[in-house]
C-alpha atoms as a PDB file:
ATOM      1  CA  MET A   1      20.459  24.928  44.997  1.00  0.00           C
ATOM      2  CA  PRO A   2      23.692  24.854  42.944  1.00  0.00           C
ATOM      3  CA  SER A   3      23.923  27.123  39.936  1.00  0.00           C
ATOM      4  CA  TRP A   4      25.474  25.081  37.172  1.00  0.00           C
ATOM      5  CA  ASN A   5      26.547  26.450  33.888  1.00  0.00           C
ATOM      6  CA  PHE A   6      24.892  24.015  31.489  1.00  0.00           C
ATOM      7  CA  LEU A   7      26.792  25.396  28.502  1.00  0.00           C
ATOM      8  CA  LYS A   8      30.060  24.177  30.038  1.00  0.00           C
ATOM      9  CA  MET A   9      28.517  20.746  30.510  1.00  0.00           C
ATOM     10  CA  PHE A  10      27.466  20.502  26.874  1.00  0.00           C
ATOM     11  CA  LYS A  11      29.707  18.230  24.795  1.00  0.00           C
ATOM     12  CA  LYS A  12      29.525  17.937  21.031  1.00  0.00           C
ATOM     13  CA  VAL A  13      28.992  14.315  20.030  1.00  0.00           C
ATOM     14  CA  SER A  14      29.448  14.711  16.269  1.00  0.00           C
ATOM     15  CA  LYS A  15      32.922  13.940  15.000  1.00  0.00           C
ATOM     16  CA  SER A  16      32.350  15.139  11.439  1.00  0.00           C
ATOM     17  CA  ASP A  17      34.536  18.260  11.816  1.00  0.00           C
ATOM     18  CA  GLU A  18      37.388  16.135  13.110  1.00  0.00           C
ATOM     19  CA  ILE A  19      36.978  13.608  10.272  1.00  0.00           C
ATOM     20  CA  ASN A  20      36.805  16.351   7.617  1.00  0.00           C
ATOM     21  CA  LYS A  21      40.027  17.975   8.885  1.00  0.00           C
ATOM     22  CA  LYS A  22      41.788  14.593   8.912  1.00  0.00           C
ATOM     23  CA  LEU A  23      40.705  13.863   5.328  1.00  0.00           C
ATOM     24  CA  GLU A  24      41.900  17.286   4.169  1.00  0.00           C
ATOM     25  CA  LEU A  25      45.307  16.740   5.784  1.00  0.00           C
ATOM     26  CA  GLU A  26      45.574  13.345   4.073  1.00  0.00           C
ATOM     27  CA  GLY A  27      44.738  14.937   0.702  1.00  0.00           C
ATOM     28  CA  ARG A  28      41.622  12.813   0.261  1.00  0.00           C
ATOM     29  CA  VAL A  29      39.220  15.709  -0.367  1.00  0.00           C
ATOM     30  CA  LYS A  30      38.387  16.649  -3.943  1.00  0.00           C
ATOM     31  CA  ILE A  31      36.043  19.354  -5.189  1.00  0.00           C
ATOM     32  CA  LEU A  32      33.730  17.871  -7.805  1.00  0.00           C
ATOM     33  CA  ASP A  33      32.956  20.832 -10.042  1.00  0.00           C
ATOM     34  CA  SER A  34      34.339  19.805 -13.429  1.00  0.00           C
ATOM     35  CA  PRO A  35      31.828  19.185 -16.247  1.00  0.00           C
ATOM     36  CA  LYS A  36      32.708  15.474 -16.152  1.00  0.00           C
ATOM     37  CA  ASP A  37      32.038  15.309 -12.398  1.00  0.00           C
ATOM     38  CA  LEU A  38      28.775  17.222 -12.704  1.00  0.00           C
ATOM     39  CA  LYS A  39      27.616  14.870 -15.472  1.00  0.00           C
ATOM     40  CA  LYS A  40      28.314  11.843 -13.270  1.00  0.00           C
ATOM     41  CA  ILE A  41      26.517  13.481 -10.326  1.00  0.00           C
ATOM     42  CA  ASN A  42      23.454  14.127 -12.519  1.00  0.00           C
ATOM     43  CA  GLN A  43      23.495  10.521 -13.751  1.00  0.00           C
ATOM     44  CA  MET A  44      23.670   9.282 -10.171  1.00  0.00           C
ATOM     45  CA  ASN A  45      20.789  11.555  -9.133  1.00  0.00           C
ATOM     46  CA  GLU A  46      18.622  10.300 -12.013  1.00  0.00           C
ATOM     47  CA  PHE A  47      19.400   6.698 -11.089  1.00  0.00           C
ATOM     48  CA  MET A  48      18.506   7.372  -7.452  1.00  0.00           C
ATOM     49  CA  GLN A  49      15.182   8.897  -8.525  1.00  0.00           C
ATOM     50  CA  GLU A  50      14.399   5.662 -10.370  1.00  0.00           C
ATOM     51  CA  VAL A  51      15.384   3.636  -7.310  1.00  0.00           C
ATOM     52  CA  ARG A  52      13.137   5.768  -5.070  1.00  0.00           C
ATOM     53  CA  ARG A  53      10.177   5.421  -7.459  1.00  0.00           C
ATOM     54  CA  ASP A  54      10.714   1.657  -7.613  1.00  0.00           C
ATOM     55  CA  TYR A  55      10.895   1.458  -3.811  1.00  0.00           C
ATOM     56  CA  ILE A  56       7.694   3.470  -3.380  1.00  0.00           C
ATOM     57  CA  TYR A  57       5.898   1.286  -5.945  1.00  0.00           C
ATOM     58  CA  LYS A  58       7.062  -1.953  -4.319  1.00  0.00           C
ATOM     59  CA  SER A  59       6.159  -0.645  -0.859  1.00  0.00           C
ATOM     60  CA  ALA A  60       2.643   0.245  -2.011  1.00  0.00           C
ATOM     61  CA  MET A  61       2.203  -3.151  -3.700  1.00  0.00           C
ATOM     62  CA  SER A  62       3.405  -4.858  -0.525  1.00  0.00           C
ATOM     63  CA  GLU A  63       0.874  -2.944   1.583  1.00  0.00           C
ATOM     64  CA  ILE A  64      -1.926  -3.852  -0.828  1.00  0.00           C
ATOM     65  CA  SER A  65      -0.857  -7.496  -0.809  1.00  0.00           C
ATOM     66  CA  ALA A  66      -0.711  -7.568   2.990  1.00  0.00           C
ATOM     67  CA  SER A  67      -4.165  -5.998   3.322  1.00  0.00           C
ATOM     68  CA  ASN A  68      -5.595  -8.506   0.836  1.00  0.00           C
ATOM     69  CA  ALA A  69      -4.044 -11.379   2.774  1.00  0.00           C
ATOM     70  CA  THR A  70      -5.501 -10.049   6.021  1.00  0.00           C
ATOM     71  CA  LEU A  71      -8.946  -9.597   4.481  1.00  0.00           C
ATOM     72  CA  THR A  72      -8.816 -13.066   2.923  1.00  0.00           C
ATOM     73  CA  ALA A  73      -7.737 -14.640   6.212  1.00  0.00           C
ATOM     74  CA  SER A  74     -10.483 -12.783   8.096  1.00  0.00           C
ATOM     75  CA  TYR A  75     -13.072 -13.789   5.479  1.00  0.00           C
ATOM     76  CA  GLN A  76     -12.024 -17.447   5.604  1.00  0.00           C
ATOM     77  CA  SER A  77     -12.073 -17.409   9.410  1.00  0.00           C
ATOM     78  CA  ALA A  78     -15.561 -15.907   9.444  1.00  0.00           C
ATOM     79  CA  GLU A  79     -16.693 -18.381   6.804  1.00  0.00           C
ATOM     80  CA  ARG A  80     -15.503 -21.330   8.927  1.00  0.00           C
ATOM     81  CA  GLN A  81     -17.144 -19.907  12.032  1.00  0.00           C
ATOM     82  CA  TYR A  82     -20.527 -19.530  10.312  1.00  0.00           C
ATOM     83  CA  SER A  83     -20.362 -22.932   8.613  1.00  0.00           C
ATOM     84  CA  GLN A  84     -19.764 -24.634  11.974  1.00  0.00           C
ATOM     85  CA  ASN A  85     -22.918 -23.093  13.456  1.00  0.00           C
END
């Protein structure tokens, strides 16, 4: 039975380190720690919280609507079946 060194066979798939180094060399990396930047980050975070809440609400309403449609369809199907007998 061959004894392979599995660590040598392991290859990193993520290219994020390579991309980050390239961006730094191109001068496209900026540290966002000024008060103006932090204010914009906070505004974006608050907006995203509203978006998440809206998504959760709409998802719940969609589930309720779908269950009502299923129950209505089942009820109508049962009603037709009993009225035919």
